[in-house]
Protein backbone atom coordinates (compact mmCIF):
# COMPACT_ATOMS: atom_id res chain seq x y z
CA MET A 1 22.05 21.82 14.89
CA GLN A 2 23.15 18.68 16.47
CA GLN A 3 20.43 15.46 16.03
CA ASN A 4 18.37 15.75 19.85
CA ASP A 5 18.68 19.21 18.90
CA LYS A 6 16.49 18.52 15.71
CA ALA A 7 14.27 15.87 17.91
CA ARG A 8 13.81 18.10 20.70
CA GLU A 9 12.65 20.99 18.16
CA LEU A 10 10.40 18.93 16.84
CA LEU A 11 8.15 17.78 18.75
CA GLU A 12 8.48 20.95 21.02
CA ARG A 13 6.77 22.26 18.66
CA LEU A 14 4.53 20.11 18.55
CA ALA A 15 3.86 19.79 21.80
CA HIS A 16 2.90 23.66 21.82
CA ASP A 17 2.14 25.15 18.18
CA ASP A 18 -1.18 24.55 16.54
CA ASP A 19 -0.30 26.07 13.05
CA PHE A 20 3.64 24.37 13.47
CA ARG A 21 1.47 20.56 14.18
CA ALA A 22 -0.94 21.82 11.36
CA ARG A 23 1.22 21.95 8.58
CA PHE A 24 2.67 18.22 10.00
CA GLU A 25 -0.33 16.85 9.67
CA ALA A 26 -0.92 18.20 6.55
CA ASP A 27 2.88 17.77 4.90
CA PRO A 28 5.05 16.04 7.53
CA ILE A 29 8.40 15.38 4.87
CA SER A 30 8.42 19.47 3.90
CA VAL A 31 8.23 19.96 7.53
CA LEU A 32 10.98 17.12 8.81
CA GLN A 33 13.46 18.88 5.26
CA SER A 34 12.58 22.31 6.58
CA LEU A 35 13.83 21.36 10.20
CA GLY A 36 17.56 19.60 8.40
CA VAL A 37 15.77 16.28 8.50
CA GLU A 38 16.90 14.50 5.95
CA VAL A 39 13.99 11.82 5.00
CA ASN A 40 14.67 8.68 3.88
CA ASP A 41 12.30 6.18 1.54
CA GLU A 42 11.33 3.91 4.51
CA ALA A 43 10.11 7.64 6.55
CA ARG A 44 8.79 8.71 2.89
CA ARG A 45 6.48 5.88 2.75
CA THR A 46 6.28 5.67 6.27
CA LEU A 47 4.61 8.87 5.86
CA ALA A 48 2.58 9.06 2.80
CA ALA A 49 1.17 6.11 3.79
CA GLY A 50 -3.04 6.56 4.73
CA GLU A 51 -4.71 8.57 7.85
CA ARG A 52 -2.38 9.92 10.95
CA ARG A 53 -3.06 11.60 14.12
CA LEU A 54 -0.77 13.38 16.13
CA PRO A 55 -1.22 12.66 20.15
CA SER A 56 -2.47 15.63 22.07
CA LYS A 57 -0.01 18.38 22.95
CA GLU A 58 -0.19 17.41 26.14
CA GLU A 59 0.39 13.59 25.60
CA ILE A 60 3.66 15.03 23.60
CA GLU A 61 4.94 17.50 26.79
CA GLY A 62 4.12 14.54 29.44
CA SER A 63 6.69 12.60 27.08
CA LEU A 64 8.94 14.61 25.62
CA ASP A 65 11.69 13.54 27.21
CA GLN A 66 11.23 10.14 26.71
CA MET A 67 9.98 10.74 23.10
CA ALA A 68 13.20 12.85 22.37
CA ALA A 69 15.46 10.55 23.84
CA ASP A 70 13.76 7.47 21.53
CA LEU A 71 13.91 9.46 18.21
CA THR A 72 17.07 10.67 18.83
CA SER A 73 18.52 7.01 19.88
CA LYS A 74 16.74 6.30 16.44
CA MET A 75 17.87 8.77 14.53
CA ASN A 76 14.42 8.88 12.51
CA TYR A 77 12.66 11.60 13.66
CA LEU A 78 9.18 9.90 13.46
CA PRO A 79 6.97 11.76 15.63
CA HIS A 80 4.72 9.09 17.47
CA CYS A 81 1.69 8.62 14.87
CA TYR A 82 -1.51 7.03 15.40
């Protein structure tokens, strides 16, 4: 699977799958790894730091194309967490 496909899959599932969202909020590193995303040390620190809240499913859905392009261009795969 190409990187842009992984980013798109992540965002699609965050926009539509409540169980996936719950798993991602509880353990984002494991979820990313299950999608075949390599999580570097900087991303691990960011994901491990404190509480996070995902945008609503509607916010993700409304920004899906732009978020997927951003994630792919940065090769970061971190959804925008507040």
